[in-house]
Amino acid sequence: MTDALREAPLPTPHIADERIQLVDARNRPCGSALRVTMRRFRFWHRATYIVVLNARGELCVQRRTLTKEVFPGGLDLAAGGVVGAGEAVHLAARRELEEELGIRGVPLRHVGEFVHAEGGNHIFGSLYLALHDGPLTLQADEVADAFWLPPVEALALKGVTPDTRQAVQALLASGLPEGTP
């Protein structure tokens, strides 16, 4: 890679103009704010994390686009995103899975909850598991690429987003639910 490519600035991030459900430090709803305001003031909020496994037990890894507002170009070990104002968490999980990977109609297994408070992010995460062997339809403005790896190999990758790393570690710590590869 040339020095010019290494030093090229990232594209301007795209921050969706949407209202996000805000919560207090105990995960109780306390209003809403535009996404840009939530990011600027580092408000507590909810997010969904859907770990997608295939029949071989491999995890779907997504490369984020360079225009993502947080961790541009990073690797996500789960689909998901922030919960909209007034949106139920399980519905947000289904919406995000369909938007990012084009997966619809598969059962989502709720695995648990975790708190991610690192790097200015204050998130109450809801963790789900989905089994999927069909095709993926990537959301062009959010997902640049997707590939499959065993969970341990995925966790060893450089550039993994810290919140999705924590989500997969929580999944592995809980033991994969019965009936999964």
N, C-alpha and C. Protein backbone atom coordinates (compact mmCIF):
# COMPACT_ATOMS: atom_id res chain seq x y z
N MET A 1 0.85 -1.18 0.00
CA MET A 1 0.00 0.00 0.00
C MET A 1 0.90 1.24 0.00
N THR A 2 0.53 2.23 -0.78
CA THR A 2 1.34 3.44 -0.86
C THR A 2 1.06 4.33 0.33
N ASP A 3 2.02 5.24 0.62
CA ASP A 3 1.83 6.17 1.73
C ASP A 3 0.61 7.06 1.51
N ALA A 4 0.34 7.41 0.25
CA ALA A 4 -0.81 8.26 -0.04
C ALA A 4 -2.12 7.57 0.36
N LEU A 5 -2.21 6.25 0.10
CA LEU A 5 -3.42 5.52 0.48
C LEU A 5 -3.55 5.41 1.98
N ARG A 6 -2.44 5.21 2.68
CA ARG A 6 -2.48 5.09 4.13
C ARG A 6 -2.92 6.38 4.79
N GLU A 7 -2.59 7.50 4.19
CA GLU A 7 -2.88 8.79 4.79
C GLU A 7 -4.17 9.41 4.28
N ALA A 8 -4.85 8.75 3.35
CA ALA A 8 -6.09 9.30 2.80
C ALA A 8 -7.12 9.40 3.92
N PRO A 9 -7.79 10.54 3.99
CA PRO A 9 -8.81 10.69 5.05
C PRO A 9 -10.00 9.76 4.79
N LEU A 10 -10.66 9.38 5.87
CA LEU A 10 -11.86 8.58 5.74
C LEU A 10 -12.98 9.43 5.15
N PRO A 11 -13.91 8.81 4.44
CA PRO A 11 -15.06 9.57 3.95
C PRO A 11 -15.84 10.16 5.13
N THR A 12 -16.61 11.18 4.86
CA THR A 12 -17.44 11.78 5.90
C THR A 12 -18.44 10.76 6.41
N PRO A 13 -18.50 10.56 7.74
CA PRO A 13 -19.44 9.58 8.27
C PRO A 13 -20.88 10.00 8.01
N HIS A 14 -21.72 8.99 7.83
CA HIS A 14 -23.15 9.22 7.65
C HIS A 14 -23.83 8.93 8.99
N ILE A 15 -24.49 9.92 9.56
CA ILE A 15 -25.23 9.73 10.81
C ILE A 15 -26.71 9.87 10.49
N ALA A 16 -27.42 8.76 10.66
CA ALA A 16 -28.85 8.73 10.33
C ALA A 16 -29.60 9.77 11.17
N ASP A 17 -30.60 10.37 10.54
CA ASP A 17 -31.45 11.36 11.21
C ASP A 17 -32.64 10.62 11.81
N GLU A 18 -32.39 10.00 12.98
CA GLU A 18 -33.43 9.22 13.63
C GLU A 18 -33.41 9.45 15.13
N ARG A 19 -34.55 9.23 15.76
CA ARG A 19 -34.65 9.38 17.21
C ARG A 19 -34.32 8.04 17.86
N ILE A 20 -33.49 8.11 18.90
CA ILE A 20 -33.01 6.95 19.63
C ILE A 20 -33.64 6.93 21.01
N GLN A 21 -33.98 5.73 21.49
CA GLN A 21 -34.50 5.57 22.84
C GLN A 21 -33.37 5.77 23.83
N LEU A 22 -33.50 6.76 24.71
CA LEU A 22 -32.52 6.97 25.76
C LEU A 22 -32.99 6.25 27.02
N VAL A 23 -32.01 5.81 27.80
CA VAL A 23 -32.30 5.16 29.08
C VAL A 23 -31.37 5.75 30.13
N ASP A 24 -31.73 5.53 31.40
CA ASP A 24 -30.83 5.98 32.46
C ASP A 24 -29.80 4.89 32.76
N ALA A 25 -28.98 5.10 33.74
CA ALA A 25 -27.91 4.16 34.06
C ALA A 25 -28.44 2.84 34.63
N ARG A 26 -29.76 2.72 34.79
CA ARG A 26 -30.38 1.47 35.23
C ARG A 26 -31.26 0.87 34.13
N ASN A 27 -31.12 1.37 32.91
CA ASN A 27 -31.83 0.89 31.73
C ASN A 27 -33.33 1.19 31.76
N ARG A 28 -33.70 2.29 32.40
CA ARG A 28 -35.10 2.73 32.42
C ARG A 28 -35.27 3.83 31.37
N PRO A 29 -36.28 3.72 30.50
CA PRO A 29 -36.50 4.75 29.48
C PRO A 29 -36.62 6.14 30.12
N CYS A 30 -35.97 7.10 29.49
CA CYS A 30 -36.00 8.47 30.03
C CYS A 30 -36.05 9.51 28.91
N GLY A 31 -36.64 9.14 27.79
CA GLY A 31 -36.78 10.10 26.70
C GLY A 31 -36.11 9.60 25.43
N SER A 32 -35.93 10.53 24.52
CA SER A 32 -35.30 10.19 23.25
C SER A 32 -34.48 11.38 22.78
N ALA A 33 -33.62 11.11 21.82
CA ALA A 33 -32.79 12.17 21.22
C ALA A 33 -32.42 11.76 19.82
N LEU A 34 -32.08 12.74 19.01
CA LEU A 34 -31.55 12.42 17.69
C LEU A 34 -30.23 11.65 17.88
N ARG A 35 -29.93 10.79 16.95
CA ARG A 35 -28.72 9.97 17.03
C ARG A 35 -27.47 10.84 17.20
N VAL A 36 -27.37 11.93 16.48
CA VAL A 36 -26.20 12.80 16.57
C VAL A 36 -26.06 13.37 17.98
N THR A 37 -27.17 13.70 18.62
CA THR A 37 -27.14 14.22 19.99
C THR A 37 -26.74 13.12 20.96
N MET A 38 -27.28 11.92 20.77
CA MET A 38 -26.94 10.78 21.62
C MET A 38 -25.43 10.53 21.56
N ARG A 39 -24.87 10.57 20.36
CA ARG A 39 -23.42 10.35 20.21
C ARG A 39 -22.62 11.48 20.86
N ARG A 40 -23.02 12.72 20.60
CA ARG A 40 -22.27 13.87 21.11
C ARG A 40 -22.19 13.87 22.63
N PHE A 41 -23.31 13.58 23.27
CA PHE A 41 -23.35 13.64 24.73
C PHE A 41 -23.16 12.28 25.41
N ARG A 42 -22.94 11.27 24.59
CA ARG A 42 -22.64 9.92 25.09
C ARG A 42 -23.71 9.40 26.04
N PHE A 43 -24.96 9.59 25.64
CA PHE A 43 -26.09 9.16 26.46
C PHE A 43 -26.18 7.63 26.50
N TRP A 44 -26.71 7.13 27.61
CA TRP A 44 -27.05 5.72 27.72
C TRP A 44 -28.17 5.42 26.73
N HIS A 45 -28.07 4.27 26.07
CA HIS A 45 -29.10 3.85 25.12
C HIS A 45 -29.09 2.32 25.02
N ARG A 46 -30.04 1.81 24.29
CA ARG A 46 -30.15 0.36 24.07
C ARG A 46 -29.69 0.02 22.66
N ALA A 47 -29.14 -1.19 22.53
CA ALA A 47 -28.75 -1.69 21.21
C ALA A 47 -28.97 -3.20 21.17
N THR A 48 -29.16 -3.71 19.97
CA THR A 48 -29.33 -5.14 19.76
C THR A 48 -28.08 -5.72 19.13
N TYR A 49 -27.81 -6.98 19.44
CA TYR A 49 -26.66 -7.71 18.90
C TYR A 49 -27.18 -9.09 18.51
N ILE A 50 -27.17 -9.40 17.22
CA ILE A 50 -27.65 -10.68 16.74
C ILE A 50 -26.45 -11.44 16.16
N VAL A 51 -26.02 -12.48 16.86
CA VAL A 51 -24.93 -13.32 16.38
C VAL A 51 -25.55 -14.33 15.43
N VAL A 52 -25.04 -14.38 14.20
CA VAL A 52 -25.57 -15.27 13.18
C VAL A 52 -24.58 -16.41 12.98
N LEU A 53 -25.07 -17.64 13.19
CA LEU A 53 -24.26 -18.84 12.99
C LEU A 53 -24.85 -19.67 11.86
N ASN A 54 -23.96 -20.34 11.09
CA ASN A 54 -24.44 -21.28 10.08
C ASN A 54 -24.40 -22.70 10.65
N ALA A 55 -24.78 -23.68 9.86
CA ALA A 55 -24.87 -25.07 10.33
C ALA A 55 -23.51 -25.64 10.70
N ARG A 56 -22.42 -25.07 10.19
CA ARG A 56 -21.07 -25.52 10.54
C ARG A 56 -20.57 -24.87 11.84
N GLY A 57 -21.39 -24.01 12.44
CA GLY A 57 -20.99 -23.34 13.67
C GLY A 57 -20.14 -22.11 13.43
N GLU A 58 -20.08 -21.66 12.16
CA GLU A 58 -19.30 -20.46 11.84
C GLU A 58 -20.15 -19.22 12.06
N LEU A 59 -19.48 -18.16 12.42
CA LEU A 59 -20.11 -16.89 12.75
C LEU A 59 -20.00 -15.95 11.56
N CYS A 60 -21.03 -15.19 11.30
CA CYS A 60 -21.01 -14.20 10.22
C CYS A 60 -20.28 -12.95 10.71
N VAL A 61 -19.18 -12.62 10.04
CA VAL A 61 -18.39 -11.43 10.35
C VAL A 61 -18.68 -10.39 9.27
N GLN A 62 -18.97 -9.17 9.69
CA GLN A 62 -19.26 -8.10 8.74
C GLN A 62 -18.16 -7.04 8.80
N ARG A 63 -17.73 -6.58 7.63
CA ARG A 63 -16.83 -5.42 7.58
C ARG A 63 -17.70 -4.19 7.40
N ARG A 64 -17.54 -3.24 8.32
CA ARG A 64 -18.31 -2.00 8.29
C ARG A 64 -17.83 -1.11 7.14
N THR A 65 -18.72 -0.34 6.57
CA THR A 65 -18.32 0.60 5.53
C THR A 65 -17.49 1.72 6.17
N LEU A 66 -16.78 2.44 5.33
CA LEU A 66 -15.95 3.54 5.82
C LEU A 66 -16.76 4.77 6.20
N THR A 67 -18.05 4.77 5.90
CA THR A 67 -18.89 5.91 6.26
C THR A 67 -19.68 5.68 7.55
N LYS A 68 -19.43 4.57 8.23
CA LYS A 68 -20.10 4.33 9.52
C LYS A 68 -19.62 5.37 10.53
N GLU A 69 -20.53 5.85 11.36
CA GLU A 69 -20.20 6.92 12.32
C GLU A 69 -19.26 6.46 13.42
N VAL A 70 -19.31 5.17 13.77
CA VAL A 70 -18.47 4.61 14.83
C VAL A 70 -17.72 3.41 14.24
N PHE A 71 -16.44 3.32 14.50
CA PHE A 71 -15.59 2.22 14.02
C PHE A 71 -15.68 2.00 12.51
N PRO A 72 -15.50 3.05 11.69
CA PRO A 72 -15.56 2.86 10.25
C PRO A 72 -14.52 1.85 9.79
N GLY A 73 -14.94 0.93 8.92
CA GLY A 73 -14.04 -0.09 8.39
C GLY A 73 -13.75 -1.23 9.36
N GLY A 74 -14.32 -1.18 10.55
CA GLY A 74 -14.08 -2.23 11.55
C GLY A 74 -14.85 -3.50 11.23
N LEU A 75 -14.64 -4.51 12.05
CA LEU A 75 -15.30 -5.79 11.88
C LEU A 75 -16.35 -5.99 12.97
N ASP A 76 -17.55 -6.31 12.56
CA ASP A 76 -18.64 -6.61 13.49
C ASP A 76 -18.83 -8.11 13.55
N LEU A 77 -18.95 -8.63 14.77
CA LEU A 77 -19.20 -10.06 14.96
C LEU A 77 -20.68 -10.34 15.19
N ALA A 78 -21.49 -9.31 15.09
CA ALA A 78 -22.94 -9.44 15.24
C ALA A 78 -23.62 -8.38 14.40
N ALA A 79 -24.78 -8.71 13.90
CA ALA A 79 -25.63 -7.71 13.27
C ALA A 79 -26.30 -6.94 14.40
N GLY A 80 -26.87 -5.81 14.10
CA GLY A 80 -27.61 -5.10 15.13
C GLY A 80 -27.41 -3.61 15.06
N GLY A 81 -27.93 -2.95 16.07
CA GLY A 81 -27.82 -1.50 16.11
C GLY A 81 -28.65 -0.92 17.23
N VAL A 82 -28.73 0.40 17.23
CA VAL A 82 -29.42 1.09 18.31
C VAL A 82 -30.93 0.91 18.18
N VAL A 83 -31.60 0.98 19.32
CA VAL A 83 -33.04 0.83 19.39
C VAL A 83 -33.67 2.21 19.21
N GLY A 84 -34.63 2.29 18.32
CA GLY A 84 -35.30 3.56 18.06
C GLY A 84 -36.22 3.96 19.20
N ALA A 85 -36.55 5.24 19.24
CA ALA A 85 -37.45 5.77 20.28
C ALA A 85 -38.77 5.03 20.24
N GLY A 86 -39.17 4.47 21.40
CA GLY A 86 -40.43 3.76 21.52
C GLY A 86 -40.45 2.38 20.90
N GLU A 87 -39.33 1.91 20.37
CA GLU A 87 -39.27 0.62 19.69
C GLU A 87 -38.99 -0.51 20.69
N ALA A 88 -39.68 -1.62 20.56
CA ALA A 88 -39.41 -2.79 21.39
C ALA A 88 -38.07 -3.39 20.96
N VAL A 89 -37.30 -3.86 21.92
CA VAL A 89 -35.95 -4.37 21.62
C VAL A 89 -36.00 -5.55 20.66
N HIS A 90 -36.90 -6.50 20.86
CA HIS A 90 -36.95 -7.67 19.97
C HIS A 90 -37.33 -7.28 18.55
N LEU A 91 -38.16 -6.25 18.39
CA LEU A 91 -38.50 -5.78 17.05
C LEU A 91 -37.31 -5.06 16.41
N ALA A 92 -36.55 -4.33 17.21
CA ALA A 92 -35.34 -3.68 16.70
C ALA A 92 -34.35 -4.73 16.21
N ALA A 93 -34.23 -5.85 16.94
CA ALA A 93 -33.32 -6.92 16.53
C ALA A 93 -33.74 -7.49 15.18
N ARG A 94 -35.01 -7.77 15.01
CA ARG A 94 -35.51 -8.29 13.72
C ARG A 94 -35.26 -7.29 12.59
N ARG A 95 -35.55 -6.02 12.87
CA ARG A 95 -35.36 -4.96 11.86
C ARG A 95 -33.91 -4.88 11.44
N GLU A 96 -33.00 -4.84 12.42
CA GLU A 96 -31.57 -4.71 12.11
C GLU A 96 -31.05 -5.92 11.33
N LEU A 97 -31.47 -7.12 11.70
CA LEU A 97 -31.02 -8.32 11.00
C LEU A 97 -31.46 -8.31 9.55
N GLU A 98 -32.68 -7.87 9.32
CA GLU A 98 -33.18 -7.79 7.94
C GLU A 98 -32.49 -6.67 7.17
N GLU A 99 -32.32 -5.50 7.79
CA GLU A 99 -31.68 -4.38 7.10
C GLU A 99 -30.23 -4.71 6.72
N GLU A 100 -29.45 -5.19 7.68
CA GLU A 100 -28.01 -5.35 7.45
C GLU A 100 -27.66 -6.56 6.60
N LEU A 101 -28.34 -7.70 6.83
CA LEU A 101 -27.95 -8.94 6.16
C LEU A 101 -29.04 -9.54 5.28
N GLY A 102 -30.23 -8.92 5.27
CA GLY A 102 -31.32 -9.44 4.45
C GLY A 102 -31.92 -10.72 4.99
N ILE A 103 -31.70 -11.02 6.26
CA ILE A 103 -32.23 -12.24 6.87
C ILE A 103 -33.58 -11.93 7.50
N ARG A 104 -34.59 -12.68 7.07
CA ARG A 104 -35.92 -12.49 7.65
C ARG A 104 -36.57 -13.86 7.86
N GLY A 105 -37.48 -13.89 8.82
CA GLY A 105 -38.25 -15.10 9.05
C GLY A 105 -37.53 -16.20 9.81
N VAL A 106 -36.34 -15.94 10.32
CA VAL A 106 -35.65 -16.97 11.12
C VAL A 106 -35.92 -16.69 12.60
N PRO A 107 -36.02 -17.75 13.39
CA PRO A 107 -36.22 -17.53 14.83
C PRO A 107 -35.01 -16.83 15.46
N LEU A 108 -35.29 -15.92 16.35
CA LEU A 108 -34.23 -15.27 17.14
C LEU A 108 -34.30 -15.83 18.55
N ARG A 109 -33.19 -16.31 19.04
CA ARG A 109 -33.13 -16.84 20.40
C ARG A 109 -32.48 -15.80 21.30
N HIS A 110 -33.24 -15.31 22.28
CA HIS A 110 -32.69 -14.33 23.22
C HIS A 110 -31.69 -15.05 24.12
N VAL A 111 -30.46 -14.53 24.16
CA VAL A 111 -29.39 -15.17 24.93
C VAL A 111 -29.15 -14.45 26.25
N GLY A 112 -29.31 -13.13 26.27
CA GLY A 112 -29.10 -12.40 27.50
C GLY A 112 -28.87 -10.92 27.26
N GLU A 113 -28.46 -10.27 28.33
CA GLU A 113 -28.23 -8.83 28.33
C GLU A 113 -26.81 -8.58 28.82
N PHE A 114 -26.23 -7.47 28.38
CA PHE A 114 -24.92 -7.06 28.88
C PHE A 114 -24.81 -5.54 28.81
N VAL A 115 -23.86 -5.01 29.55
CA VAL A 115 -23.61 -3.57 29.55
C VAL A 115 -22.25 -3.33 28.91
N HIS A 116 -22.22 -2.39 27.97
CA HIS A 116 -20.96 -2.00 27.33
C HIS A 116 -20.77 -0.51 27.61
N ALA A 117 -19.80 -0.20 28.45
CA ALA A 117 -19.49 1.19 28.79
C ALA A 117 -17.99 1.37 28.59
N GLU A 118 -17.63 1.73 27.37
CA GLU A 118 -16.23 1.82 26.99
C GLU A 118 -16.10 2.79 25.81
N GLY A 119 -15.03 3.53 25.77
CA GLY A 119 -14.76 4.40 24.63
C GLY A 119 -15.83 5.44 24.38
N GLY A 120 -16.51 5.89 25.41
CA GLY A 120 -17.55 6.89 25.24
C GLY A 120 -18.91 6.32 24.90
N ASN A 121 -19.01 5.02 24.75
CA ASN A 121 -20.30 4.37 24.49
C ASN A 121 -20.89 3.90 25.80
N HIS A 122 -22.19 4.08 25.93
CA HIS A 122 -22.92 3.66 27.13
C HIS A 122 -24.15 2.88 26.66
N ILE A 123 -24.00 1.55 26.59
CA ILE A 123 -24.99 0.71 25.91
C ILE A 123 -25.50 -0.39 26.82
N PHE A 124 -26.82 -0.58 26.81
CA PHE A 124 -27.43 -1.77 27.36
C PHE A 124 -27.71 -2.67 26.16
N GLY A 125 -26.94 -3.74 26.03
CA GLY A 125 -27.05 -4.63 24.88
C GLY A 125 -27.95 -5.81 25.12
N SER A 126 -28.79 -6.10 24.15
CA SER A 126 -29.64 -7.30 24.16
C SER A 126 -29.07 -8.25 23.11
N LEU A 127 -28.71 -9.44 23.57
CA LEU A 127 -28.00 -10.41 22.73
C LEU A 127 -28.94 -11.50 22.24
N TYR A 128 -28.91 -11.74 20.93
CA TYR A 128 -29.73 -12.76 20.29
C TYR A 128 -28.85 -13.66 19.44
N LEU A 129 -29.36 -14.85 19.16
CA LEU A 129 -28.69 -15.81 18.29
C LEU A 129 -29.64 -16.18 17.17
N ALA A 130 -29.12 -16.23 15.94
CA ALA A 130 -29.90 -16.66 14.78
C ALA A 130 -29.09 -17.69 14.02
N LEU A 131 -29.75 -18.74 13.56
CA LEU A 131 -29.13 -19.76 12.72
C LEU A 131 -29.57 -19.51 11.29
N HIS A 132 -28.59 -19.44 10.38
CA HIS A 132 -28.92 -19.08 8.99
C HIS A 132 -27.89 -19.67 8.04
N ASP A 133 -28.37 -20.37 7.03
CA ASP A 133 -27.49 -20.93 6.00
C ASP A 133 -27.83 -20.40 4.61
N GLY A 134 -28.77 -19.50 4.54
CA GLY A 134 -29.18 -18.99 3.24
C GLY A 134 -28.29 -17.84 2.78
N PRO A 135 -28.69 -17.23 1.69
CA PRO A 135 -27.90 -16.11 1.15
C PRO A 135 -28.01 -14.88 2.05
N LEU A 136 -27.04 -14.01 1.91
CA LEU A 136 -27.03 -12.73 2.61
C LEU A 136 -27.22 -11.63 1.59
N THR A 137 -27.99 -10.62 1.95
CA THR A 137 -28.14 -9.42 1.12
C THR A 137 -27.63 -8.26 1.98
N LEU A 138 -26.43 -7.77 1.66
CA LEU A 138 -25.76 -6.78 2.49
C LEU A 138 -26.33 -5.38 2.25
N GLN A 139 -26.51 -4.63 3.33
CA GLN A 139 -26.96 -3.24 3.25
C GLN A 139 -25.77 -2.40 2.80
N ALA A 140 -25.80 -1.90 1.58
CA ALA A 140 -24.64 -1.27 0.95
C ALA A 140 -24.05 -0.10 1.74
N ASP A 141 -24.89 0.68 2.42
CA ASP A 141 -24.34 1.84 3.13
C ASP A 141 -23.80 1.50 4.51
N GLU A 142 -23.98 0.25 4.97
CA GLU A 142 -23.48 -0.13 6.29
C GLU A 142 -22.51 -1.30 6.27
N VAL A 143 -22.71 -2.25 5.37
CA VAL A 143 -21.92 -3.48 5.36
C VAL A 143 -21.15 -3.60 4.05
N ALA A 144 -19.82 -3.53 4.13
CA ALA A 144 -18.99 -3.60 2.93
C ALA A 144 -18.75 -5.03 2.47
N ASP A 145 -18.72 -5.98 3.42
CA ASP A 145 -18.41 -7.37 3.09
C ASP A 145 -18.86 -8.23 4.27
N ALA A 146 -19.04 -9.51 4.00
CA ALA A 146 -19.37 -10.46 5.08
C ALA A 146 -18.70 -11.79 4.74
N PHE A 147 -18.24 -12.48 5.78
CA PHE A 147 -17.62 -13.79 5.61
C PHE A 147 -17.84 -14.59 6.89
N TRP A 148 -17.55 -15.89 6.83
CA TRP A 148 -17.85 -16.82 7.92
C TRP A 148 -16.56 -17.37 8.53
N LEU A 149 -16.51 -17.40 9.86
CA LEU A 149 -15.36 -17.95 10.59
C LEU A 149 -15.85 -18.64 11.86
N PRO A 150 -15.09 -19.62 12.36
CA PRO A 150 -15.42 -20.16 13.68
C PRO A 150 -15.33 -19.02 14.71
N PRO A 151 -16.19 -19.02 15.74
CA PRO A 151 -16.21 -17.92 16.70
C PRO A 151 -14.85 -17.59 17.32
N VAL A 152 -14.06 -18.59 17.67
CA VAL A 152 -12.76 -18.32 18.29
C VAL A 152 -11.84 -17.60 17.32
N GLU A 153 -11.86 -17.98 16.04
CA GLU A 153 -11.04 -17.30 15.04
C GLU A 153 -11.55 -15.87 14.81
N ALA A 154 -12.85 -15.69 14.82
CA ALA A 154 -13.42 -14.35 14.63
C ALA A 154 -12.99 -13.44 15.77
N LEU A 155 -13.00 -13.95 17.00
CA LEU A 155 -12.59 -13.14 18.15
C LEU A 155 -11.12 -12.76 18.08
N ALA A 156 -10.30 -13.53 17.38
CA ALA A 156 -8.86 -13.27 17.29
C ALA A 156 -8.52 -12.23 16.21
N LEU A 157 -9.48 -11.84 15.40
CA LEU A 157 -9.21 -10.87 14.33
C LEU A 157 -8.87 -9.51 14.91
N LYS A 158 -8.01 -8.78 14.20
CA LYS A 158 -7.73 -7.39 14.56
C LYS A 158 -8.83 -6.52 13.97
N GLY A 159 -9.17 -5.45 14.67
CA GLY A 159 -10.16 -4.51 14.15
C GLY A 159 -11.59 -4.84 14.49
N VAL A 160 -11.80 -5.82 15.40
CA VAL A 160 -13.16 -6.16 15.81
C VAL A 160 -13.70 -5.05 16.72
N THR A 161 -14.93 -4.65 16.49
CA THR A 161 -15.54 -3.61 17.32
C THR A 161 -15.67 -4.14 18.75
N PRO A 162 -15.35 -3.31 19.75
CA PRO A 162 -15.34 -3.80 21.12
C PRO A 162 -16.69 -4.28 21.64
N ASP A 163 -17.77 -3.66 21.20
CA ASP A 163 -19.08 -4.09 21.70
C ASP A 163 -19.49 -5.44 21.12
N THR A 164 -19.21 -5.69 19.83
CA THR A 164 -19.58 -7.00 19.28
C THR A 164 -18.63 -8.09 19.79
N ARG A 165 -17.39 -7.73 20.09
CA ARG A 165 -16.47 -8.69 20.72
C ARG A 165 -17.06 -9.11 22.08
N GLN A 166 -17.51 -8.13 22.85
CA GLN A 166 -18.10 -8.42 24.16
C GLN A 166 -19.35 -9.28 24.00
N ALA A 167 -20.16 -9.01 22.98
CA ALA A 167 -21.38 -9.80 22.76
C ALA A 167 -21.04 -11.26 22.49
N VAL A 168 -20.06 -11.53 21.63
CA VAL A 168 -19.70 -12.91 21.31
C VAL A 168 -19.05 -13.58 22.52
N GLN A 169 -18.24 -12.84 23.25
CA GLN A 169 -17.66 -13.41 24.48
C GLN A 169 -18.76 -13.79 25.46
N ALA A 170 -19.80 -12.96 25.57
CA ALA A 170 -20.93 -13.27 26.45
C ALA A 170 -21.67 -14.52 25.96
N LEU A 171 -21.83 -14.64 24.66
CA LEU A 171 -22.48 -15.82 24.09
C LEU A 171 -21.68 -17.08 24.42
N LEU A 172 -20.39 -17.03 24.19
CA LEU A 172 -19.54 -18.20 24.46
C LEU A 172 -19.51 -18.53 25.95
N ALA A 173 -19.49 -17.50 26.79
CA ALA A 173 -19.46 -17.72 28.24
C ALA A 173 -20.75 -18.38 28.73
N SER A 174 -21.87 -18.08 28.05
CA SER A 174 -23.15 -18.66 28.45
C SER A 174 -23.26 -20.09 27.96
N GLY A 175 -22.35 -20.49 27.08
CA GLY A 175 -22.47 -21.79 26.41
C GLY A 175 -23.46 -21.63 25.30
N LEU A 176 -23.14 -22.17 24.12
CA LEU A 176 -24.10 -22.05 23.02
C LEU A 176 -25.37 -22.76 23.44
N PRO A 177 -26.51 -22.14 23.22
CA PRO A 177 -27.77 -22.79 23.61
C PRO A 177 -27.91 -24.16 22.95
N GLU A 178 -28.58 -25.07 23.65
CA GLU A 178 -28.77 -26.42 23.16
C GLU A 178 -29.41 -26.39 21.78
N GLY A 179 -28.94 -27.26 20.92
CA GLY A 179 -29.48 -27.33 19.57
C GLY A 179 -28.73 -26.50 18.56
N THR A 180 -27.69 -25.78 18.99
CA THR A 180 -26.89 -25.03 18.04
C THR A 180 -25.60 -25.79 17.79
N PRO A 181 -24.97 -25.56 16.66
CA PRO A 181 -23.73 -26.28 16.36
C PRO A 181 -22.62 -25.91 17.32
